C-alpha atoms as a PDB file:
ATOM      1  CA  MET A   1     -59.795 -20.632   8.171  1.00  0.00           C
ATOM      2  CA  LYS A   2     -57.492 -20.565  10.864  1.00  0.00           C
ATOM      3  CA  VAL A   3     -55.068 -21.673   8.254  1.00  0.00           C
ATOM      4  CA  LYS A   4     -56.220 -18.590   5.911  1.00  0.00           C
ATOM      5  CA  TYR A   5     -55.485 -16.393   8.900  1.00  0.00           C
ATOM      6  CA  TYR A   6     -51.880 -17.574   9.817  1.00  0.00           C
ATOM      7  CA  LEU A   7     -50.462 -17.441   6.357  1.00  0.00           C
ATOM      8  CA  LEU A   8     -51.864 -13.809   6.150  1.00  0.00           C
ATOM      9  CA  SER A   9     -50.233 -13.255   9.278  1.00  0.00           C
ATOM     10  CA  MET A  10     -47.039 -14.706   8.242  1.00  0.00           C
ATOM     11  CA  ALA A  11     -46.747 -12.573   4.893  1.00  0.00           C
ATOM     12  CA  LEU A  12     -47.083  -9.428   6.862  1.00  0.00           C
ATOM     13  CA  MET A  13     -44.435 -10.301   9.454  1.00  0.00           C
ATOM     14  CA  GLY A  14     -41.998 -10.894   6.120  1.00  0.00           C
ATOM     15  CA  MET A  15     -43.244  -7.495   4.460  1.00  0.00           C
ATOM     16  CA  LEU A  16     -42.454  -6.272   8.142  1.00  0.00           C
ATOM     17  CA  THR A  17     -38.921  -7.458   8.362  1.00  0.00           C
ATOM     18  CA  ALA A  18     -37.874  -7.014   5.104  1.00  0.00           C
ATOM     19  CA  CYS A  19     -38.996  -2.825   5.305  1.00  0.00           C
ATOM     20  CA  SER A  20     -37.078  -2.607   8.407  1.00  0.00           C
ATOM     21  CA  GLY A  21     -33.786  -4.524   7.155  1.00  0.00           C
ATOM     22  CA  GLU A  22     -33.335  -2.064   4.453  1.00  0.00           C
ATOM     23  CA  LYS A  23     -30.453   0.041   4.375  1.00  0.00           C
ATOM     24  CA  LYS A  24     -31.458   3.543   4.724  1.00  0.00           C
ATOM     25  CA  GLU A  25     -29.298   6.783   3.317  1.00  0.00           C
ATOM     26  CA  GLY A  26     -27.026   8.162   6.148  1.00  0.00           C
ATOM     27  CA  ALA A  27     -27.283  11.362   7.542  1.00  0.00           C
ATOM     28  CA  SER A  28     -24.420  13.574   6.780  1.00  0.00           C
ATOM     29  CA  ALA A  29     -21.059  12.577   7.860  1.00  0.00           C
ATOM     30  CA  ASP A  30     -19.392  15.921   7.002  1.00  0.00           C
ATOM     31  CA  GLY A  31     -22.036  18.664   8.627  1.00  0.00           C
ATOM     32  CA  GLN A  32     -22.685  19.844   5.260  1.00  0.00           C
ATOM     33  CA  GLY A  33     -25.972  17.887   3.920  1.00  0.00           C
ATOM     34  CA  THR A  34     -23.931  14.889   2.358  1.00  0.00           C
ATOM     35  CA  THR A  35     -25.523  11.491   2.129  1.00  0.00           C
ATOM     36  CA  GLU A  36     -23.950   8.338   1.811  1.00  0.00           C
ATOM     37  CA  LYS A  37     -24.902   4.842   2.184  1.00  0.00           C
ATOM     38  CA  LYS A  38     -24.322   3.143   5.861  1.00  0.00           C
ATOM     39  CA  VAL A  39     -20.599   3.253   6.868  1.00  0.00           C
ATOM     40  CA  GLU A  40     -19.520  -0.482   6.133  1.00  0.00           C
ATOM     41  CA  ALA A  41     -17.500  -2.427   8.790  1.00  0.00           C
ATOM     42  CA  ASP A  42     -14.013  -1.791   7.076  1.00  0.00           C
ATOM     43  CA  GLN A  43     -14.463   1.986   6.861  1.00  0.00           C
ATOM     44  CA  PRO A  44     -13.554   4.714   9.344  1.00  0.00           C
ATOM     45  CA  THR A  45     -16.198   5.814  11.999  1.00  0.00           C
ATOM     46  CA  GLY A  46     -16.891   8.533  14.331  1.00  0.00           C
ATOM     47  CA  ASP A  47     -16.269  12.103  13.111  1.00  0.00           C
ATOM     48  CA  VAL A  48     -15.609  11.451   9.395  1.00  0.00           C
ATOM     49  CA  PHE A  49     -15.662  14.094   6.199  1.00  0.00           C
ATOM     50  CA  ILE A  50     -16.950  12.171   3.334  1.00  0.00           C
ATOM     51  CA  TYR A  51     -15.671  13.780   0.469  1.00  0.00           C
ATOM     52  CA  THR A  52     -18.134  14.087  -2.653  1.00  0.00           C
ATOM     53  CA  GLY A  53     -18.403  15.153  -6.032  1.00  0.00           C
ATOM     54  CA  GLU A  54     -20.107  18.521  -4.993  1.00  0.00           C
ATOM     55  CA  HIS A  55     -17.204  18.860  -2.549  1.00  0.00           C
ATOM     56  CA  ARG A  56     -14.837  18.689  -5.946  1.00  0.00           C
ATOM     57  CA  LYS A  57     -16.561  21.143  -7.537  1.00  0.00           C
ATOM     58  CA  SER A  58     -16.889  23.750  -5.329  1.00  0.00           C
ATOM     59  CA  LYS A  59     -13.461  23.287  -4.256  1.00  0.00           C
ATOM     60  CA  THR A  60     -14.570  22.639  -0.721  1.00  0.00           C
ATOM     61  CA  GLN A  61     -11.492  21.036   1.262  1.00  0.00           C
ATOM     62  CA  PRO A  62     -12.211  18.693   4.139  1.00  0.00           C
ATOM     63  CA  ASP A  63     -11.571  20.061   7.410  1.00  0.00           C
ATOM     64  CA  LYS A  64     -11.736  16.717   9.474  1.00  0.00           C
ATOM     65  CA  ALA A  65      -8.975  14.485  10.217  1.00  0.00           C
ATOM     66  CA  LYS A  66     -10.796  11.117   9.006  1.00  0.00           C
ATOM     67  CA  VAL A  67     -11.707  11.432   5.470  1.00  0.00           C
ATOM     68  CA  LEU A  68     -13.736   9.161   3.102  1.00  0.00           C
ATOM     69  CA  ILE A  69     -13.805   9.386  -0.482  1.00  0.00           C
ATOM     70  CA  SER A  70     -16.963   8.761  -2.045  1.00  0.00           C
ATOM     71  CA  LYS A  71     -17.796   5.379  -3.869  1.00  0.00           C
ATOM     72  CA  LYS A  72     -18.966   7.728  -6.431  1.00  0.00           C
ATOM     73  CA  LEU A  73     -15.494   8.988  -7.553  1.00  0.00           C
ATOM     74  CA  ALA A  74     -13.206   7.032  -9.455  1.00  0.00           C
ATOM     75  CA  SER A  75     -10.007   9.159  -9.379  1.00  0.00           C
ATOM     76  CA  ILE A  76      -8.503  11.570  -7.083  1.00  0.00           C
ATOM     77  CA  ASN A  77      -7.406  14.654  -9.412  1.00  0.00           C
ATOM     78  CA  THR A  78      -4.669  16.867 -10.030  1.00  0.00           C
ATOM     79  CA  ASN A  79      -3.483  18.702  -6.608  1.00  0.00           C
ATOM     80  CA  GLU A  80      -7.099  17.920  -5.475  1.00  0.00           C
ATOM     81  CA  PHE A  81      -5.847  18.138  -1.543  1.00  0.00           C
ATOM     82  CA  SER A  82      -2.497  19.377  -1.988  1.00  0.00           C
ATOM     83  CA  GLY A  83      -1.449  21.788   1.025  1.00  0.00           C
ATOM     84  CA  ASN A  84      -4.201  20.268   3.249  1.00  0.00           C
ATOM     85  CA  THR A  85      -2.756  19.972   6.718  1.00  0.00           C
ATOM     86  CA  THR A  86      -6.023  18.682   8.457  1.00  0.00           C
ATOM     87  CA  ILE A  87      -6.370  15.225   6.946  1.00  0.00           C
ATOM     88  CA  GLU A  88      -4.601  12.579   9.156  1.00  0.00           C
ATOM     89  CA  GLU A  89      -6.157   9.403   7.560  1.00  0.00           C
ATOM     90  CA  ILE A  90      -7.816   8.572   4.178  1.00  0.00           C
ATOM     91  CA  TRP A  91     -10.149   5.740   3.382  1.00  0.00           C
ATOM     92  CA  ILE A  92      -9.990   5.311  -0.498  1.00  0.00           C
ATOM     93  CA  GLY A  93     -12.255   2.821  -1.987  1.00  0.00           C
ATOM     94  CA  GLU A  94     -11.968   0.068  -4.752  1.00  0.00           C
ATOM     95  CA  GLN A  95     -13.313   1.895  -7.074  1.00  0.00           C
ATOM     96  CA  VAL A  96     -10.823   4.286  -7.074  1.00  0.00           C
ATOM     97  CA  GLN A  97      -8.313   3.816 -10.120  1.00  0.00           C
ATOM     98  CA  HIS A  98      -6.236   6.695 -10.083  1.00  0.00           C
ATOM     99  CA  ILE A  99      -4.621   9.295  -7.798  1.00  0.00           C
ATOM    100  CA  ALA A 100      -3.157  12.324 -10.112  1.00  0.00           C
ATOM    101  CA  ASN A 101       0.041  14.357  -9.779  1.00  0.00           C
ATOM    102  CA  GLY A 102       0.550  15.985  -6.678  1.00  0.00           C
ATOM    103  CA  ALA A 103      -2.962  15.127  -5.076  1.00  0.00           C
ATOM    104  CA  PHE A 104      -1.774  15.351  -1.597  1.00  0.00           C
ATOM    105  CA  GLU A 105       1.440  17.214  -2.097  1.00  0.00           C
ATOM    106  CA  GLY A 106       2.182  18.706   1.151  1.00  0.00           C
ATOM    107  CA  CYS A 107      -0.217  16.886   3.316  1.00  0.00           C
ATOM    108  CA  THR A 108       2.192  17.265   6.268  1.00  0.00           C
ATOM    109  CA  ASN A 109      -0.036  15.810   8.870  1.00  0.00           C
ATOM    110  CA  LEU A 110      -1.223  12.412   6.929  1.00  0.00           C
ATOM    111  CA  LYS A 111      -0.136   9.634   8.739  1.00  0.00           C
ATOM    112  CA  LYS A 112      -2.530   6.806   7.354  1.00  0.00           C
ATOM    113  CA  ILE A 113      -3.577   5.480   3.911  1.00  0.00           C
ATOM    114  CA  HIS A 114      -6.295   2.673   3.590  1.00  0.00           C
ATOM    115  CA  LEU A 115      -6.532   0.928   0.481  1.00  0.00           C
ATOM    116  CA  ALA A 116     -10.049  -1.144  -0.626  1.00  0.00           C
ATOM    117  CA  GLY A 117      -8.735  -2.554  -3.192  1.00  0.00           C
ATOM    118  CA  PRO A 118      -6.482  -2.546  -6.002  1.00  0.00           C
ATOM    119  CA  LEU A 119      -5.019   0.866  -7.046  1.00  0.00           C
ATOM    120  CA  PRO A 120      -3.550   0.748 -10.452  1.00  0.00           C
ATOM    121  CA  VAL A 121      -1.636   4.146 -10.592  1.00  0.00           C
ATOM    122  CA  ILE A 122      -0.176   6.504  -7.901  1.00  0.00           C
ATOM    123  CA  ASN A 123       0.700   9.498 -10.143  1.00  0.00           C
ATOM    124  CA  ASP A 124       4.099  11.632 -10.357  1.00  0.00           C
ATOM    125  CA  GLY A 125       4.114  13.602  -6.717  1.00  0.00           C
ATOM    126  CA  ALA A 126       0.796  12.541  -5.882  1.00  0.00           C
ATOM    127  CA  PHE A 127       2.319  11.899  -1.726  1.00  0.00           C
ATOM    128  CA  THR A 128       5.353  14.473  -2.108  1.00  0.00           C
ATOM    129  CA  ASN A 129       6.331  15.422   1.297  1.00  0.00           C
ATOM    130  CA  CYS A 130       3.786  14.053   3.284  1.00  0.00           C
ATOM    131  CA  SER A 131       6.300  14.101   6.089  1.00  0.00           C
ATOM    132  CA  SER A 132       4.031  12.385   8.859  1.00  0.00           C
ATOM    133  CA  LEU A 133       3.124   9.374   6.363  1.00  0.00           C
ATOM    134  CA  GLU A 134       4.294   6.007   7.937  1.00  0.00           C
ATOM    135  CA  GLU A 135       3.445   3.053   5.752  1.00  0.00           C
ATOM    136  CA  LEU A 136       2.312   2.065   2.296  1.00  0.00           C
ATOM    137  CA  LYS A 137       0.032  -1.003   2.060  1.00  0.00           C
ATOM    138  CA  GLY A 138      -2.064  -2.354  -0.694  1.00  0.00           C
ATOM    139  CA  ASP A 139      -1.966  -3.525  -4.162  1.00  0.00           C
ATOM    140  CA  VAL A 140      -0.610  -0.595  -5.831  1.00  0.00           C
ATOM    141  CA  TYR A 141       0.580  -1.649  -9.938  1.00  0.00           C
ATOM    142  CA  THR A 142       2.420   2.040 -10.411  1.00  0.00           C
ATOM    143  CA  VAL A 143       4.249   4.379  -8.213  1.00  0.00           C
ATOM    144  CA  GLY A 144       4.998   7.394 -10.244  1.00  0.00           C
ATOM    145  CA  ILE A 145       8.402  10.020 -10.054  1.00  0.00           C
ATOM    146  CA  ASP A 146       8.693  11.238  -7.005  1.00  0.00           C
ATOM    147  CA  GLY A 147       5.823  10.021  -5.443  1.00  0.00           C
ATOM    148  CA  PHE A 148       6.813   9.632  -2.220  1.00  0.00           C
ATOM    149  CA  LYS A 149       9.455  11.919  -2.432  1.00  0.00           C
ATOM    150  CA  GLY A 150      10.352  13.468   0.886  1.00  0.00           C
ATOM    151  CA  CYS A 151       7.974  11.402   2.816  1.00  0.00           C
ATOM    152  CA  THR A 152      10.473  11.281   5.785  1.00  0.00           C
ATOM    153  CA  SER A 153       8.681   9.125   8.232  1.00  0.00           C
ATOM    154  CA  LEU A 154       7.981   6.435   5.916  1.00  0.00           C
ATOM    155  CA  LYS A 155       9.188   2.814   7.400  1.00  0.00           C
ATOM    156  CA  SER A 156       7.244   0.606   5.623  1.00  0.00           C
ATOM    157  CA  VAL A 157       6.394  -0.411   1.979  1.00  0.00           C
ATOM    158  CA  ILE A 158       4.451  -3.416   1.256  1.00  0.00           C
ATOM    159  CA  LEU A 159       3.438  -3.553  -2.409  1.00  0.00           C
ATOM    160  CA  GLY A 160       0.681  -6.218  -3.445  1.00  0.00           C
ATOM    161  CA  GLU A 161       0.431  -8.890  -6.117  1.00  0.00           C
ATOM    162  CA  HIS A 162       0.179  -6.642  -8.957  1.00  0.00           C
ATOM    163  CA  ALA A 163       3.107  -4.216  -8.431  1.00  0.00           C
ATOM    164  CA  TYR A 164       5.062  -3.887 -11.686  1.00  0.00           C
ATOM    165  CA  TRP A 165       6.509  -0.281 -11.941  1.00  0.00           C
ATOM    166  CA  ILE A 166       8.288   2.050  -9.497  1.00  0.00           C
ATOM    167  CA  ARG A 167       9.663   4.858 -11.410  1.00  0.00           C
ATOM    168  CA  SER A 168      12.682   7.428 -10.583  1.00  0.00           C
ATOM    169  CA  GLY A 169      12.271   9.110  -7.448  1.00  0.00           C
ATOM    170  CA  ALA A 170       9.500   7.411  -6.123  1.00  0.00           C
ATOM    171  CA  PHE A 171      10.691   6.997  -2.525  1.00  0.00           C
ATOM    172  CA  TYR A 172      13.509   9.695  -2.802  1.00  0.00           C
ATOM    173  CA  GLY A 173      14.567  10.661   0.397  1.00  0.00           C
ATOM    174  CA  CYS A 174      12.655   8.523   2.546  1.00  0.00           C
ATOM    175  CA  LYS A 175      15.538   8.269   5.258  1.00  0.00           C
ATOM    176  CA  ASN A 176      13.830   5.725   7.746  1.00  0.00           C
ATOM    177  CA  LEU A 177      12.202   3.657   5.286  1.00  0.00           C
ATOM    178  CA  LYS A 178      13.388  -0.081   6.727  1.00  0.00           C
ATOM    179  CA  LYS A 179      11.116  -2.469   5.253  1.00  0.00           C
ATOM    180  CA  LEU A 180      10.199  -3.012   1.253  1.00  0.00           C
ATOM    181  CA  ILE A 181       8.352  -5.934   0.450  1.00  0.00           C
ATOM    182  CA  LEU A 182       7.630  -6.671  -3.347  1.00  0.00           C
ATOM    183  CA  ALA A 183       6.100  -9.082  -5.545  1.00  0.00           C
ATOM    184  CA  ASP A 184       7.818 -11.028  -8.508  1.00  0.00           C
ATOM    185  CA  THR A 185       5.429  -9.349 -10.632  1.00  0.00           C
ATOM    186  CA  MET A 186       7.927  -6.131 -10.359  1.00  0.00           C
ATOM    187  CA  SER A 187       8.985  -5.697 -14.397  1.00  0.00           C
ATOM    188  CA  LYS A 188      10.159  -1.975 -14.332  1.00  0.00           C
ATOM    189  CA  LEU A 189      12.274  -0.245 -11.610  1.00  0.00           C
ATOM    190  CA  GLU A 190      14.010   2.686 -12.685  1.00  0.00           C
ATOM    191  CA  ASP A 191      17.071   4.329 -11.299  1.00  0.00           C
ATOM    192  CA  GLY A 192      16.732   6.544  -8.197  1.00  0.00           C
ATOM    193  CA  ALA A 193      13.809   4.967  -7.120  1.00  0.00           C
ATOM    194  CA  PHE A 194      15.040   4.557  -3.770  1.00  0.00           C
ATOM    195  CA  GLU A 195      17.618   7.260  -3.700  1.00  0.00           C
ATOM    196  CA  GLY A 196      18.572   8.223   0.142  1.00  0.00           C
ATOM    197  CA  CYS A 197      17.113   5.510   1.580  1.00  0.00           C
ATOM    198  CA  THR A 198      19.332   5.063   3.806  1.00  0.00           C
ATOM    199  CA  ALA A 199      18.106   3.119   6.907  1.00  0.00           C
ATOM    200  CA  MET A 200      16.674  -0.472   4.808  1.00  0.00           C
ATOM    201  CA  GLU A 201      16.879  -3.419   6.921  1.00  0.00           C
ATOM    202  CA  GLU A 202      14.423  -5.667   5.127  1.00  0.00           C
ATOM    203  CA  PHE A 203      13.600  -5.885   1.412  1.00  0.00           C
ATOM    204  CA  SER A 204      12.842  -8.315  -1.524  1.00  0.00           C
ATOM    205  CA  ILE A 205      14.347  -8.564  -4.640  1.00  0.00           C
ATOM    206  CA  PRO A 206      12.363  -9.458  -7.656  1.00  0.00           C
ATOM    207  CA  ASN A 207      13.788 -11.975  -9.853  1.00  0.00           C
ATOM    208  CA  ASP A 208      14.366  -9.527 -12.721  1.00  0.00           C
ATOM    209  CA  PHE A 209      16.205  -7.025 -10.339  1.00  0.00           C
ATOM    210  CA  LYS A 210      18.690  -9.890  -8.676  1.00  0.00           C
ATOM    211  CA  ASN A 211      22.024  -7.836 -10.197  1.00  0.00           C
ATOM    212  CA  ARG A 212      20.715  -4.341  -9.342  1.00  0.00           C
ATOM    213  CA  MET A 213      18.688  -4.230  -6.066  1.00  0.00           C
ATOM    214  CA  PHE A 214      21.735  -4.753  -3.646  1.00  0.00           C
ATOM    215  CA  GLY A 215      23.231  -1.840  -4.834  1.00  0.00           C
ATOM    216  CA  MET A 216      20.416   0.410  -4.550  1.00  0.00           C
ATOM    217  CA  PHE A 217      20.841   0.818  -0.722  1.00  0.00           C
ATOM    218  CA  PRO A 218      23.847   2.862   0.301  1.00  0.00           C
ATOM    219  CA  ASN A 219      24.182   0.913   4.126  1.00  0.00           C
ATOM    220  CA  PRO A 220      24.412  -2.757   3.294  1.00  0.00           C
ATOM    221  CA  ASP A 221      25.543  -3.231   7.360  1.00  0.00           C
ATOM    222  CA  ASN A 222      21.749  -2.181   8.051  1.00  0.00           C
ATOM    223  CA  PHE A 223      20.589  -5.126   6.067  1.00  0.00           C
ATOM    224  CA  ARG A 224      18.758  -7.417   8.362  1.00  0.00           C
ATOM    225  CA  LYS A 225      16.498  -9.596   6.045  1.00  0.00           C
ATOM    226  CA  VAL A 226      16.800 -10.308   2.568  1.00  0.00           C
ATOM    227  CA  TYR A 227      14.228 -12.271   0.340  1.00  0.00           C
ATOM    228  CA  LEU A 228      15.175 -13.256  -3.219  1.00  0.00           C
ATOM    229  CA  LEU A 229      12.558 -14.091  -5.433  1.00  0.00           C
ATOM    230  CA  THR A 230      14.385 -16.215  -7.862  1.00  0.00           C
ATOM    231  CA  THR A 231      13.392 -18.576 -10.275  1.00  0.00           C
ATOM    232  CA  GLU A 232      16.936 -20.190 -10.202  1.00  0.00           C
ATOM    233  CA  PHE A 233      20.141 -20.348  -8.323  1.00  0.00           C
ATOM    234  CA  TYR A 234      22.732 -17.302  -9.378  1.00  0.00           C
ATOM    235  CA  PRO A 235      26.040 -16.287  -7.904  1.00  0.00           C
ATOM    236  CA  MET A 236      26.481 -13.598  -5.999  1.00  0.00           C
ATOM    237  CA  PRO A 237      25.952 -10.158  -7.382  1.00  0.00           C
ATOM    238  CA  LYS A 238      29.609  -7.719  -7.498  1.00  0.00           C
ATOM    239  CA  ASN A 239      27.190  -4.941  -5.918  1.00  0.00           C
ATOM    240  CA  CYS A 240      26.249  -7.193  -2.980  1.00  0.00           C
ATOM    241  CA  GLN A 241      28.095  -6.761   0.515  1.00  0.00           C
ATOM    242  CA  PRO A 242      26.555  -9.222   2.920  1.00  0.00           C
ATOM    243  CA  ASN A 243      26.997  -9.069   6.525  1.00  0.00           C
ATOM    244  CA  LYS A 244      26.739 -11.513   9.805  1.00  0.00           C
ATOM    245  CA  GLN A 245      23.743  -9.636  11.118  1.00  0.00           C
ATOM    246  CA  CYS A 246      21.538 -10.245   8.274  1.00  0.00           C
ATOM    247  CA  ALA A 247      19.383 -13.319   7.070  1.00  0.00           C
ATOM    248  CA  LEU A 248      18.615 -14.329   3.331  1.00  0.00           C
ATOM    249  CA  TYR A 249      15.752 -16.051   2.337  1.00  0.00           C
ATOM    250  CA  VAL A 250      15.512 -17.880  -0.693  1.00  0.00           C
ATOM    251  CA  PRO A 251      12.566 -20.194  -2.362  1.00  0.00           C
ATOM    252  CA  ASP A 252      12.884 -23.598  -0.766  1.00  0.00           C
ATOM    253  CA  ALA A 253      13.760 -25.576  -4.054  1.00  0.00           C
ATOM    254  CA  PHE A 254      16.874 -23.791  -4.168  1.00  0.00           C
ATOM    255  CA  LEU A 255      17.970 -23.787  -0.495  1.00  0.00           C
ATOM    256  CA  SER A 256      20.776 -26.363  -0.449  1.00  0.00           C
ATOM    257  CA  GLN A 257      22.347 -24.774  -3.631  1.00  0.00           C
ATOM    258  CA  PHE A 258      22.188 -21.372  -1.879  1.00  0.00           C
ATOM    259  CA  GLN A 259      23.562 -23.049   1.491  1.00  0.00           C
ATOM    260  CA  ALA A 260      26.688 -24.661  -0.547  1.00  0.00           C
ATOM    261  CA  ASP A 261      27.792 -21.302  -2.085  1.00  0.00           C
ATOM    262  CA  GLU A 262      30.887 -19.986  -0.497  1.00  0.00           C
ATOM    263  CA  LYS A 263      29.994 -16.341  -1.453  1.00  0.00           C
ATOM    264  CA  TRP A 264      26.300 -16.572  -0.393  1.00  0.00           C
ATOM    265  CA  ASN A 265      27.430 -17.784   2.843  1.00  0.00           C
ATOM    266  CA  GLU A 266      28.962 -14.728   4.201  1.00  0.00           C
ATOM    267  CA  PHE A 267      25.395 -13.800   5.232  1.00  0.00           C
ATOM    268  CA  GLY A 268      24.395 -14.482   8.926  1.00  0.00           C
ATOM    269  CA  SER A 269      22.252 -17.383   7.558  1.00  0.00           C
ATOM    270  CA  ILE A 270      20.379 -18.748   4.748  1.00  0.00           C
ATOM    271  CA  LEU A 271      16.696 -19.858   5.026  1.00  0.00           C
ATOM    272  CA  PRO A 272      13.918 -21.080   3.375  1.00  0.00           C
ATOM    273  CA  MET A 273      11.213 -18.860   1.625  1.00  0.00           C
ATOM    274  CA  SER A 274       8.619 -20.829   3.903  1.00  0.00           C
ATOM    275  CA  LYS A 275       9.808 -19.569   7.052  1.00  0.00           C
ATOM    276  CA  SER A 276       9.373 -16.321   6.062  1.00  0.00           C
ATOM    277  CA  ALA A 277       6.432 -13.844   7.294  1.00  0.00           C
ATOM    278  CA  TYR A 278       5.283 -12.827   3.500  1.00  0.00           C
ATOM    279  CA  TYR A 279       6.097 -15.551   1.108  1.00  0.00           C
ATOM    280  CA  THR A 280       5.669 -18.951   0.066  1.00  0.00           C
ATOM    281  CA  PRO A 281       7.972 -21.555  -0.130  1.00  0.00           C
ATOM    282  CA  GLU A 282       7.850 -20.844  -3.892  1.00  0.00           C
ATOM    283  CA  GLY A 283       8.446 -16.947  -3.446  1.00  0.00           C
ATOM    284  CA  PHE A 284       4.791 -15.854  -4.234  1.00  0.00           C
ATOM    285  CA  LEU A 285       3.622 -13.183  -1.978  1.00  0.00           C
ATOM    286  CA  LYS A 286       1.406 -14.919   0.955  1.00  0.00           C
END
């Protein structure tokens, strides 16, 4: 009998534990009756506007600085938030596959973009004139024409292992852009992609563009770190203007060849890629 009561009590305790552990639908985070699952650890906290399909239908714009795109939305549409000067930070989940033309154009107070997963397409003019944006970091495959044109506060662009196409004018006029970290998956780089990027100090050169990228940045005296993502040793391109303040990083396997070359030695130092913050000895993104 005691055994029977013990088993019954244990079963009841298990049911209570399971019930108490269920995730409840959260209360409205935007003050308009919208419900969303419990905010995850890597999601925004505090006063957050959760943008849903209902807001899209009613053309309701976020009126809070922090915006989270609902997990039910797989894209951000053309001009969806254009001209919104309230948004300062936006969280974009891994379900979003496409940011359409002009989606955030003129969002002049947007400072941070949080990407939870790979993003195949940032389309033409998507973030044009987002003049407060400071950083782009994420696994972005394609940046469209004029995608970040006029983002004058942008200082750092770090694209992930799937990046392969940067279109004309993508970072046009980003006069404070100092860091550009790309993967060797890059296969398309259009002329004018970095026109007006006069402050560049640190950048990588994917193998397919070894004879082009040095000439894309107009002030070579600013260069401080250059990463050559190459599969072989090659002679210095004619458009390369080295300086003694710049360190050149090369894949470890070709270090001795680059160091022995008279022209490449016009750089301040030639270092193995394994000593870099971003790349493995072979030149792949860490």
